[in-house]
Amino acid sequence: MGNESCYCCESTLRHFATSSVVEIERCGGCGSLLTSFANTSEQEDPWEMGSVTVSFLEALKFRRDIQAREMVAHFYSQLQSGRVLDYGCGQGAFVSYMRERGIDAAGCDISKTHLDSKLLDSFVQLDGPWSVPDLSSVRTICFLDVLEHVPEPDHLVSKLYCAGVDAVLVKVPMLNGPIGVASQILAGLGRLDLLKRLLLVDEISPHFSFFTSKGLARLFARNGFDLVDCLRLADVGSELPKRLRGKDGEPSAVSRNSALTALGALLAAVSPVWSDTRVFLFRRQA
């Protein structure tokens, strides 16, 4: 296992941590973490994983609806300027939100297993993992919690440039966010549990990258796109208690905990300056 150089900036990679299933290396230039796995199954549909339960899908849609409001409000001028394709759209919550606001939006994914049936007319099924559909009519492509799952993100971004895409909107978890920093400190003490959970080590579709802001910007710059805007999002904001649900999505005692309400509000308050999730807008270089 192991990569020779960083696909973000081509700098030398240094060993960071190793377990029986994953090798983690850090880029000496941008600081991003890159992973190699002993076994991966890219041909399987991640939407068929046992962990994709009804309550998981409800929580995912709840979070996406909240974040969609912020993303569309902040990036509206770009999103309404031409056709938008949400790559890895899943249930289609972001596509629905955009279409309800007059944006010409469509979605694509490896399957339509959990897609909202009302979006079938604007859905493109990918030929295979990380394949690129016809982008001739697409001006903006979105990757919301997707790019970190791609084994070779530089190849995918290069394909977008060659296809003539004007802009790319990317939402990713940040290595230099509060939880990312905590996971690195614990890893340095020999405790990899938190970092492995963040990287989805035991899932069908794990994270191959844990980007820093610098690393992501360099990755796109190398492939013809400039960073033009960035939005910090609270990954768990004041809605935190509502997201902690019991069996079948019913509110549990813990979800009514006032301490969690305060913690969620605190995380939301600090998110403008320090957040675990960011949304980046890249535009094609002139």
C-alpha atoms as a PDB file:
ATOM      1  CA  MET A   1       0.000   0.000   0.000  1.00  0.00           C
ATOM      2  CA  GLY A   2       1.016   3.645  -0.186  1.00  0.00           C
ATOM      3  CA  ASN A   3       1.218   6.557  -2.615  1.00  0.00           C
ATOM      4  CA  GLU A   4       4.472   7.968  -3.984  1.00  0.00           C
ATOM      5  CA  SER A   5       3.471  11.642  -4.038  1.00  0.00           C
ATOM      6  CA  CYS A   6       0.505  13.827  -3.156  1.00  0.00           C
ATOM      7  CA  TYR A   7      -2.101  14.232  -5.892  1.00  0.00           C
ATOM      8  CA  CYS A   8      -2.913  17.674  -4.480  1.00  0.00           C
ATOM      9  CA  CYS A   9       0.505  19.263  -4.922  1.00  0.00           C
ATOM     10  CA  GLU A  10       2.930  16.455  -5.910  1.00  0.00           C
ATOM     11  CA  SER A  11       4.911  16.879  -2.697  1.00  0.00           C
ATOM     12  CA  THR A  12       6.509  13.966  -0.860  1.00  0.00           C
ATOM     13  CA  LEU A  13       4.278  11.890   1.388  1.00  0.00           C
ATOM     14  CA  ARG A  14       5.332  10.922   4.892  1.00  0.00           C
ATOM     15  CA  HIS A  15       4.062   8.060   7.003  1.00  0.00           C
ATOM     16  CA  PHE A  16       1.418   9.171   9.515  1.00  0.00           C
ATOM     17  CA  ALA A  17      -0.296   6.052  10.875  1.00  0.00           C
ATOM     18  CA  THR A  18      -0.953   2.406   9.999  1.00  0.00           C
ATOM     19  CA  SER A  19      -3.460  -0.254  11.006  1.00  0.00           C
ATOM     20  CA  SER A  20      -4.221  -3.715   9.651  1.00  0.00           C
ATOM     21  CA  VAL A  21      -6.537  -2.292   6.981  1.00  0.00           C
ATOM     22  CA  VAL A  22      -5.339   1.239   6.240  1.00  0.00           C
ATOM     23  CA  GLU A  23      -2.106   3.126   5.702  1.00  0.00           C
ATOM     24  CA  ILE A  24      -2.313   6.895   6.257  1.00  0.00           C
ATOM     25  CA  GLU A  25       0.273   9.300   4.848  1.00  0.00           C
ATOM     26  CA  ARG A  26       0.612  13.064   5.238  1.00  0.00           C
ATOM     27  CA  CYS A  27       1.670  15.409   2.455  1.00  0.00           C
ATOM     28  CA  GLY A  28       4.773  17.404   3.355  1.00  0.00           C
ATOM     29  CA  GLY A  29       3.570  20.304   1.206  1.00  0.00           C
ATOM     30  CA  CYS A  30      -0.146  20.854   1.866  1.00  0.00           C
ATOM     31  CA  GLY A  31      -0.651  18.731   4.976  1.00  0.00           C
ATOM     32  CA  SER A  32      -3.545  16.655   3.591  1.00  0.00           C
ATOM     33  CA  LEU A  33      -3.876  13.005   4.621  1.00  0.00           C
ATOM     34  CA  LEU A  34      -4.028  10.346   1.909  1.00  0.00           C
ATOM     35  CA  THR A  35      -5.062   6.770   2.582  1.00  0.00           C
ATOM     36  CA  SER A  36      -4.456   3.368   1.037  1.00  0.00           C
ATOM     37  CA  PHE A  37      -6.611   0.382   1.955  1.00  0.00           C
ATOM     38  CA  ALA A  38      -5.788  -3.311   1.983  1.00  0.00           C
ATOM     39  CA  ASN A  39      -9.214  -4.120   0.533  1.00  0.00           C
ATOM     40  CA  THR A  40     -11.718  -1.904  -1.247  1.00  0.00           C
ATOM     41  CA  SER A  41     -14.822  -2.874  -3.242  1.00  0.00           C
ATOM     42  CA  GLU A  42     -15.523  -0.048  -5.647  1.00  0.00           C
ATOM     43  CA  GLN A  43     -17.875  -2.153  -7.734  1.00  0.00           C
ATOM     44  CA  GLU A  44     -20.389  -2.361  -4.878  1.00  0.00           C
ATOM     45  CA  ASP A  45     -23.134   0.204  -4.494  1.00  0.00           C
ATOM     46  CA  PRO A  46     -22.458   2.186  -1.302  1.00  0.00           C
ATOM     47  CA  TRP A  47     -26.176   2.954  -1.048  1.00  0.00           C
ATOM     48  CA  GLU A  48     -26.757  -0.770  -0.410  1.00  0.00           C
ATOM     49  CA  MET A  49     -24.592  -0.828   2.737  1.00  0.00           C
ATOM     50  CA  GLY A  50     -26.192  -2.202   5.874  1.00  0.00           C
ATOM     51  CA  SER A  51     -25.456   1.080   7.637  1.00  0.00           C
ATOM     52  CA  VAL A  52     -27.764   2.935   5.232  1.00  0.00           C
ATOM     53  CA  THR A  53     -30.853   2.602   7.412  1.00  0.00           C
ATOM     54  CA  VAL A  54     -34.084   4.574   7.447  1.00  0.00           C
ATOM     55  CA  SER A  55     -32.870   6.669  10.380  1.00  0.00           C
ATOM     56  CA  PHE A  56     -29.522   7.294   8.624  1.00  0.00           C
ATOM     57  CA  LEU A  57     -31.322   8.519   5.494  1.00  0.00           C
ATOM     58  CA  GLU A  58     -33.615  10.749   7.557  1.00  0.00           C
ATOM     59  CA  ALA A  59     -30.632  12.304   9.350  1.00  0.00           C
ATOM     60  CA  LEU A  60     -28.783  12.769   6.057  1.00  0.00           C
ATOM     61  CA  LYS A  61     -31.740  14.495   4.427  1.00  0.00           C
ATOM     62  CA  PHE A  62     -32.314  16.645   7.513  1.00  0.00           C
ATOM     63  CA  ARG A  63     -28.702  17.839   7.470  1.00  0.00           C
ATOM     64  CA  ARG A  64     -28.651  18.348   3.693  1.00  0.00           C
ATOM     65  CA  ASP A  65     -31.845  20.438   3.798  1.00  0.00           C
ATOM     66  CA  ILE A  66     -30.332  22.718   6.451  1.00  0.00           C
ATOM     67  CA  GLN A  67     -27.037  23.075   4.598  1.00  0.00           C
ATOM     68  CA  ALA A  68     -28.772  23.549   1.241  1.00  0.00           C
ATOM     69  CA  ARG A  69     -30.322  26.787   2.473  1.00  0.00           C
ATOM     70  CA  GLU A  70     -26.923  28.216   3.317  1.00  0.00           C
ATOM     71  CA  MET A  71     -25.201  26.957   0.173  1.00  0.00           C
ATOM     72  CA  VAL A  72     -27.861  28.166  -2.258  1.00  0.00           C
ATOM     73  CA  ALA A  73     -28.114  31.563  -0.563  1.00  0.00           C
ATOM     74  CA  HIS A  74     -24.327  32.045  -0.604  1.00  0.00           C
ATOM     75  CA  PHE A  75     -23.624  30.707  -4.113  1.00  0.00           C
ATOM     76  CA  TYR A  76     -26.923  31.650  -5.785  1.00  0.00           C
ATOM     77  CA  SER A  77     -25.410  33.838  -8.515  1.00  0.00           C
ATOM     78  CA  GLN A  78     -23.281  30.935  -9.734  1.00  0.00           C
ATOM     79  CA  LEU A  79     -25.966  28.273  -9.379  1.00  0.00           C
ATOM     80  CA  GLN A  80     -28.598  30.230 -11.306  1.00  0.00           C
ATOM     81  CA  SER A  81     -26.238  31.065 -14.178  1.00  0.00           C
ATOM     82  CA  GLY A  82     -26.693  27.770 -16.045  1.00  0.00           C
ATOM     83  CA  ARG A  83     -27.355  24.055 -15.658  1.00  0.00           C
ATOM     84  CA  VAL A  84     -26.134  22.511 -12.386  1.00  0.00           C
ATOM     85  CA  LEU A  85     -25.278  18.823 -11.943  1.00  0.00           C
ATOM     86  CA  ASP A  86     -25.101  17.375  -8.417  1.00  0.00           C
ATOM     87  CA  TYR A  87     -22.577  14.527  -8.738  1.00  0.00           C
ATOM     88  CA  GLY A  88     -23.345  11.778  -6.227  1.00  0.00           C
ATOM     89  CA  CYS A  89     -26.797  13.212  -5.527  1.00  0.00           C
ATOM     90  CA  GLY A  90     -28.031  10.289  -3.386  1.00  0.00           C
ATOM     91  CA  GLN A  91     -31.607  11.026  -2.334  1.00  0.00           C
ATOM     92  CA  GLY A  92     -31.612  14.207  -4.397  1.00  0.00           C
ATOM     93  CA  ALA A  93     -32.322  16.611  -1.514  1.00  0.00           C
ATOM     94  CA  PHE A  94     -29.971  19.291  -2.853  1.00  0.00           C
ATOM     95  CA  VAL A  95     -31.354  18.947  -6.382  1.00  0.00           C
ATOM     96  CA  SER A  96     -34.910  19.316  -5.065  1.00  0.00           C
ATOM     97  CA  TYR A  97     -34.015  22.406  -3.055  1.00  0.00           C
ATOM     98  CA  MET A  98     -32.384  24.084  -6.064  1.00  0.00           C
ATOM     99  CA  ARG A  99     -35.239  23.255  -8.429  1.00  0.00           C
ATOM    100  CA  GLU A 100     -37.794  24.648  -5.984  1.00  0.00           C
ATOM    101  CA  ARG A 101     -35.909  27.947  -6.247  1.00  0.00           C
ATOM    102  CA  GLY A 102     -35.879  28.075 -10.023  1.00  0.00           C
ATOM    103  CA  ILE A 103     -32.377  26.674 -10.574  1.00  0.00           C
ATOM    104  CA  ASP A 104     -31.899  24.349 -13.551  1.00  0.00           C
ATOM    105  CA  ALA A 105     -30.569  21.376 -11.580  1.00  0.00           C
ATOM    106  CA  ALA A 106     -30.104  17.657 -12.201  1.00  0.00           C
ATOM    107  CA  GLY A 107     -28.391  14.812 -10.356  1.00  0.00           C
ATOM    108  CA  CYS A 108     -26.254  11.782 -11.109  1.00  0.00           C
ATOM    109  CA  ASP A 109     -25.102   8.811  -9.050  1.00  0.00           C
ATOM    110  CA  ILE A 110     -24.007   5.194  -9.306  1.00  0.00           C
ATOM    111  CA  SER A 111     -27.615   4.124  -8.608  1.00  0.00           C
ATOM    112  CA  LYS A 112     -31.071   5.517  -7.934  1.00  0.00           C
ATOM    113  CA  THR A 113     -31.681   3.231  -4.952  1.00  0.00           C
ATOM    114  CA  HIS A 114     -32.860   5.995  -2.626  1.00  0.00           C
ATOM    115  CA  LEU A 115     -33.587   8.767  -5.131  1.00  0.00           C
ATOM    116  CA  ASP A 116     -36.769  10.787  -4.682  1.00  0.00           C
ATOM    117  CA  SER A 117     -39.079   9.452  -7.410  1.00  0.00           C
ATOM    118  CA  LYS A 118     -40.040  13.026  -8.366  1.00  0.00           C
ATOM    119  CA  LEU A 119     -36.477  13.552  -9.646  1.00  0.00           C
ATOM    120  CA  LEU A 120     -36.301  10.618 -12.060  1.00  0.00           C
ATOM    121  CA  ASP A 121     -36.772  12.947 -15.030  1.00  0.00           C
ATOM    122  CA  SER A 122     -33.587  14.824 -14.147  1.00  0.00           C
ATOM    123  CA  PHE A 123     -31.381  11.909 -13.066  1.00  0.00           C
ATOM    124  CA  VAL A 124     -28.389  10.430 -14.903  1.00  0.00           C
ATOM    125  CA  GLN A 125     -27.090   7.020 -13.818  1.00  0.00           C
ATOM    126  CA  LEU A 126     -23.301   6.739 -14.022  1.00  0.00           C
ATOM    127  CA  ASP A 127     -21.788   3.962 -16.140  1.00  0.00           C
ATOM    128  CA  GLY A 128     -19.419   3.009 -13.318  1.00  0.00           C
ATOM    129  CA  PRO A 129     -17.723   4.330 -10.181  1.00  0.00           C
ATOM    130  CA  TRP A 130     -16.372   7.860 -10.771  1.00  0.00           C
ATOM    131  CA  SER A 131     -17.262   7.873 -14.469  1.00  0.00           C
ATOM    132  CA  VAL A 132     -18.090  11.222 -16.094  1.00  0.00           C
ATOM    133  CA  PRO A 133     -21.455  11.679 -17.860  1.00  0.00           C
ATOM    134  CA  ASP A 134     -22.139  14.033 -20.746  1.00  0.00           C
ATOM    135  CA  LEU A 135     -21.337  17.503 -19.403  1.00  0.00           C
ATOM    136  CA  SER A 136     -21.869  19.474 -22.610  1.00  0.00           C
ATOM    137  CA  SER A 137     -24.850  21.359 -21.145  1.00  0.00           C
ATOM    138  CA  VAL A 138     -23.508  21.644 -17.593  1.00  0.00           C
ATOM    139  CA  ARG A 139     -22.048  24.903 -16.334  1.00  0.00           C
ATOM    140  CA  THR A 140     -21.580  24.042 -12.647  1.00  0.00           C
ATOM    141  CA  ILE A 141     -20.948  20.633 -11.101  1.00  0.00           C
ATOM    142  CA  CYS A 142     -21.353  19.978  -7.365  1.00  0.00           C
ATOM    143  CA  PHE A 143     -19.526  17.478  -5.171  1.00  0.00           C
ATOM    144  CA  LEU A 144     -21.184  17.430  -1.757  1.00  0.00           C
ATOM    145  CA  ASP A 145     -19.346  15.008   0.560  1.00  0.00           C
ATOM    146  CA  VAL A 146     -18.139  13.118  -2.516  1.00  0.00           C
ATOM    147  CA  LEU A 147     -14.618  14.122  -3.559  1.00  0.00           C
ATOM    148  CA  GLU A 148     -13.006  12.652  -0.435  1.00  0.00           C
ATOM    149  CA  HIS A 149     -14.289   9.202  -1.526  1.00  0.00           C
ATOM    150  CA  VAL A 150     -12.553   9.324  -4.930  1.00  0.00           C
ATOM    151  CA  PRO A 151      -9.330   7.233  -5.130  1.00  0.00           C
ATOM    152  CA  GLU A 152      -7.755   9.564  -7.714  1.00  0.00           C
ATOM    153  CA  PRO A 153      -9.497  12.955  -7.415  1.00  0.00           C
ATOM    154  CA  ASP A 154      -6.936  14.686  -9.648  1.00  0.00           C
ATOM    155  CA  HIS A 155      -7.965  12.489 -12.590  1.00  0.00           C
ATOM    156  CA  LEU A 156     -11.644  13.291 -12.042  1.00  0.00           C
ATOM    157  CA  VAL A 157     -11.054  17.056 -11.770  1.00  0.00           C
ATOM    158  CA  SER A 158      -8.923  16.951 -14.919  1.00  0.00           C
ATOM    159  CA  LYS A 159     -11.801  15.291 -16.782  1.00  0.00           C
ATOM    160  CA  LEU A 160     -14.136  18.087 -15.694  1.00  0.00           C
ATOM    161  CA  TYR A 161     -11.765  20.693 -17.094  1.00  0.00           C
ATOM    162  CA  CYS A 162     -11.435  18.816 -20.391  1.00  0.00           C
ATOM    163  CA  ALA A 163     -15.242  18.540 -20.585  1.00  0.00           C
ATOM    164  CA  GLY A 164     -15.528  22.339 -20.433  1.00  0.00           C
ATOM    165  CA  VAL A 165     -17.149  22.707 -16.997  1.00  0.00           C
ATOM    166  CA  ASP A 166     -17.081  26.365 -15.909  1.00  0.00           C
ATOM    167  CA  ALA A 167     -17.290  25.959 -12.130  1.00  0.00           C
ATOM    168  CA  VAL A 168     -17.074  23.292  -9.427  1.00  0.00           C
ATOM    169  CA  LEU A 169     -18.732  23.525  -6.009  1.00  0.00           C
ATOM    170  CA  VAL A 170     -17.063  21.229  -3.468  1.00  0.00           C
ATOM    171  CA  LYS A 171     -18.237  20.451   0.067  1.00  0.00           C
ATOM    172  CA  VAL A 172     -15.763  18.397   2.119  1.00  0.00           C
ATOM    173  CA  PRO A 173     -14.885  17.637   5.741  1.00  0.00           C
ATOM    174  CA  MET A 174     -11.771  19.558   6.741  1.00  0.00           C
ATOM    175  CA  LEU A 175      -8.660  18.069   8.320  1.00  0.00           C
ATOM    176  CA  ASN A 176      -7.947  21.461   9.915  1.00  0.00           C
ATOM    177  CA  GLY A 177     -11.398  21.664  11.536  1.00  0.00           C
ATOM    178  CA  PRO A 178     -11.998  21.036  15.277  1.00  0.00           C
ATOM    179  CA  ILE A 179     -12.785  17.316  14.962  1.00  0.00           C
ATOM    180  CA  GLY A 180     -10.016  16.773  12.406  1.00  0.00           C
ATOM    181  CA  VAL A 181      -7.469  18.387  14.712  1.00  0.00           C
ATOM    182  CA  ALA A 182      -8.684  16.293  17.657  1.00  0.00           C
ATOM    183  CA  SER A 183      -8.400  13.089  15.593  1.00  0.00           C
ATOM    184  CA  GLN A 184      -4.775  13.905  14.699  1.00  0.00           C
ATOM    185  CA  ILE A 185      -3.847  14.602  18.318  1.00  0.00           C
ATOM    186  CA  LEU A 186      -5.343  11.280  19.387  1.00  0.00           C
ATOM    187  CA  ALA A 187      -3.605   9.485  16.510  1.00  0.00           C
ATOM    188  CA  GLY A 188      -0.299  10.917  17.701  1.00  0.00           C
ATOM    189  CA  LEU A 189      -1.023   9.286  21.060  1.00  0.00           C
ATOM    190  CA  GLY A 190      -1.610   5.961  19.353  1.00  0.00           C
ATOM    191  CA  ARG A 191      -5.421   6.150  19.445  1.00  0.00           C
ATOM    192  CA  LEU A 192      -6.719   5.829  15.875  1.00  0.00           C
ATOM    193  CA  ASP A 193     -10.402   5.165  16.604  1.00  0.00           C
ATOM    194  CA  LEU A 194     -11.688   8.686  15.911  1.00  0.00           C
ATOM    195  CA  LEU A 195      -9.589   9.127  12.761  1.00  0.00           C
ATOM    196  CA  LYS A 196     -10.697   5.719  11.440  1.00  0.00           C
ATOM    197  CA  ARG A 197     -14.334   6.656  12.022  1.00  0.00           C
ATOM    198  CA  LEU A 198     -13.881   9.948  10.186  1.00  0.00           C
ATOM    199  CA  LEU A 199     -12.252   8.087   7.279  1.00  0.00           C
ATOM    200  CA  LEU A 200     -15.067   5.470   7.205  1.00  0.00           C
ATOM    201  CA  VAL A 201     -12.377   2.786   7.239  1.00  0.00           C
ATOM    202  CA  ASP A 202     -14.814  -0.136   7.581  1.00  0.00           C
ATOM    203  CA  GLU A 203     -17.298   1.030   4.931  1.00  0.00           C
ATOM    204  CA  ILE A 204     -17.680   0.073   1.259  1.00  0.00           C
ATOM    205  CA  SER A 205     -16.828   3.616   0.189  1.00  0.00           C
ATOM    206  CA  PRO A 206     -14.183   4.977   2.605  1.00  0.00           C
ATOM    207  CA  HIS A 207     -12.405   8.335   2.458  1.00  0.00           C
ATOM    208  CA  PHE A 208      -9.255   8.296   0.361  1.00  0.00           C
ATOM    209  CA  SER A 209      -8.471  11.918   1.249  1.00  0.00           C
ATOM    210  CA  PHE A 210      -8.752  14.137   4.291  1.00  0.00           C
ATOM    211  CA  PHE A 211      -8.113  17.546   2.729  1.00  0.00           C
ATOM    212  CA  THR A 212      -6.690  20.725   4.160  1.00  0.00           C
ATOM    213  CA  SER A 213      -7.867  23.971   2.554  1.00  0.00           C
ATOM    214  CA  LYS A 214      -4.424  24.427   1.009  1.00  0.00           C
ATOM    215  CA  GLY A 215      -4.411  20.900  -0.410  1.00  0.00           C
ATOM    216  CA  LEU A 216      -7.822  21.213  -2.061  1.00  0.00           C
ATOM    217  CA  ALA A 217      -6.935  24.598  -3.572  1.00  0.00           C
ATOM    218  CA  ARG A 218      -3.689  23.200  -4.996  1.00  0.00           C
ATOM    219  CA  LEU A 219      -5.462  20.135  -6.395  1.00  0.00           C
ATOM    220  CA  PHE A 220      -7.849  22.317  -8.412  1.00  0.00           C
ATOM    221  CA  ALA A 221      -5.191  24.854  -9.406  1.00  0.00           C
ATOM    222  CA  ARG A 222      -3.092  22.047 -10.910  1.00  0.00           C
ATOM    223  CA  ASN A 223      -6.088  21.044 -13.010  1.00  0.00           C
ATOM    224  CA  GLY A 224      -7.170  24.435 -14.349  1.00  0.00           C
ATOM    225  CA  PHE A 225      -9.483  25.887 -11.671  1.00  0.00           C
ATOM    226  CA  ASP A 226      -8.996  28.867  -9.333  1.00  0.00           C
ATOM    227  CA  LEU A 227     -10.523  29.146  -5.859  1.00  0.00           C
ATOM    228  CA  VAL A 228     -12.903  32.132  -5.865  1.00  0.00           C
ATOM    229  CA  ASP A 229     -15.062  31.693  -2.749  1.00  0.00           C
ATOM    230  CA  CYS A 230     -15.427  29.639   0.438  1.00  0.00           C
ATOM    231  CA  LEU A 231     -18.284  29.087   2.888  1.00  0.00           C
ATOM    232  CA  ARG A 232     -17.775  27.599   6.350  1.00  0.00           C
ATOM    233  CA  LEU A 233     -20.608  25.373   7.559  1.00  0.00           C
ATOM    234  CA  ALA A 234     -21.444  24.093  11.025  1.00  0.00           C
ATOM    235  CA  ASP A 235     -21.362  20.329  10.569  1.00  0.00           C
ATOM    236  CA  VAL A 236     -23.410  19.980  13.737  1.00  0.00           C
ATOM    237  CA  GLY A 237     -25.181  23.173  14.633  1.00  0.00           C
ATOM    238  CA  SER A 238     -28.131  24.013  16.860  1.00  0.00           C
ATOM    239  CA  GLU A 239     -30.033  21.107  15.258  1.00  0.00           C
ATOM    240  CA  LEU A 240     -27.723  18.590  17.007  1.00  0.00           C
ATOM    241  CA  PRO A 241     -30.325  17.316  19.540  1.00  0.00           C
ATOM    242  CA  LYS A 242     -32.865  16.681  16.768  1.00  0.00           C
ATOM    243  CA  ARG A 243     -30.305  14.558  14.934  1.00  0.00           C
ATOM    244  CA  LEU A 244     -29.703  12.267  17.929  1.00  0.00           C
ATOM    245  CA  ARG A 245     -32.666   9.969  17.524  1.00  0.00           C
ATOM    246  CA  GLY A 246     -33.702   6.641  18.929  1.00  0.00           C
ATOM    247  CA  LYS A 247     -35.083   3.596  17.159  1.00  0.00           C
ATOM    248  CA  ASP A 248     -36.804   4.327  13.831  1.00  0.00           C
ATOM    249  CA  GLY A 249     -35.963   8.016  14.102  1.00  0.00           C
ATOM    250  CA  GLU A 250     -38.060   8.675  17.215  1.00  0.00           C
ATOM    251  CA  PRO A 251     -36.645  11.328  19.585  1.00  0.00           C
ATOM    252  CA  SER A 252     -34.784   9.761  22.502  1.00  0.00           C
ATOM    253  CA  ALA A 253     -34.045  11.112  25.980  1.00  0.00           C
ATOM    254  CA  VAL A 254     -30.546  12.123  24.894  1.00  0.00           C
ATOM    255  CA  SER A 255     -31.981  14.175  22.021  1.00  0.00           C
ATOM    256  CA  ARG A 256     -33.723  16.437  24.561  1.00  0.00           C
ATOM    257  CA  ASN A 257     -30.518  17.092  26.488  1.00  0.00           C
ATOM    258  CA  SER A 258     -30.078  20.839  27.040  1.00  0.00           C
ATOM    259  CA  ALA A 259     -26.285  20.426  27.215  1.00  0.00           C
ATOM    260  CA  LEU A 260     -26.313  19.093  23.656  1.00  0.00           C
ATOM    261  CA  THR A 261     -28.415  22.053  22.588  1.00  0.00           C
ATOM    262  CA  ALA A 262     -25.782  24.371  24.040  1.00  0.00           C
ATOM    263  CA  LEU A 263     -22.932  22.397  22.458  1.00  0.00           C
ATOM    264  CA  GLY A 264     -24.596  22.478  19.066  1.00  0.00           C
ATOM    265  CA  ALA A 265     -25.214  26.199  19.346  1.00  0.00           C
ATOM    266  CA  LEU A 266     -21.567  26.758  20.312  1.00  0.00           C
ATOM    267  CA  LEU A 267     -20.334  24.796  17.288  1.00  0.00           C
ATOM    268  CA  ALA A 268     -22.660  26.808  15.065  1.00  0.00           C
ATOM    269  CA  ALA A 269     -21.398  30.071  16.587  1.00  0.00           C
ATOM    270  CA  VAL A 270     -17.709  29.316  15.954  1.00  0.00           C
ATOM    271  CA  SER A 271     -18.274  27.856  12.466  1.00  0.00           C
ATOM    272  CA  PRO A 272     -17.731  31.201  10.647  1.00  0.00           C
ATOM    273  CA  VAL A 273     -14.084  31.134  11.760  1.00  0.00           C
ATOM    274  CA  TRP A 274     -13.417  27.455  12.478  1.00  0.00           C
ATOM    275  CA  SER A 275     -15.567  24.647  11.080  1.00  0.00           C
ATOM    276  CA  ASP A 276     -15.314  20.964  10.265  1.00  0.00           C
ATOM    277  CA  THR A 277     -17.017  21.440   6.907  1.00  0.00           C
ATOM    278  CA  ARG A 278     -16.391  23.965   4.135  1.00  0.00           C
ATOM    279  CA  VAL A 279     -17.849  24.590   0.706  1.00  0.00           C
ATOM    280  CA  PHE A 280     -15.444  25.836  -1.962  1.00  0.00           C
ATOM    281  CA  LEU A 281     -16.270  27.411  -5.302  1.00  0.00           C
ATOM    282  CA  PHE A 282     -13.688  26.918  -8.042  1.00  0.00           C
ATOM    283  CA  ARG A 283     -13.870  28.560 -11.477  1.00  0.00           C
ATOM    284  CA  ARG A 284     -12.134  27.711 -14.689  1.00  0.00           C
ATOM    285  CA  GLN A 285      -8.903  29.660 -15.114  1.00  0.00           C
ATOM    286  CA  ALA A 286      -9.025  32.411 -17.740  1.00  0.00           C
END
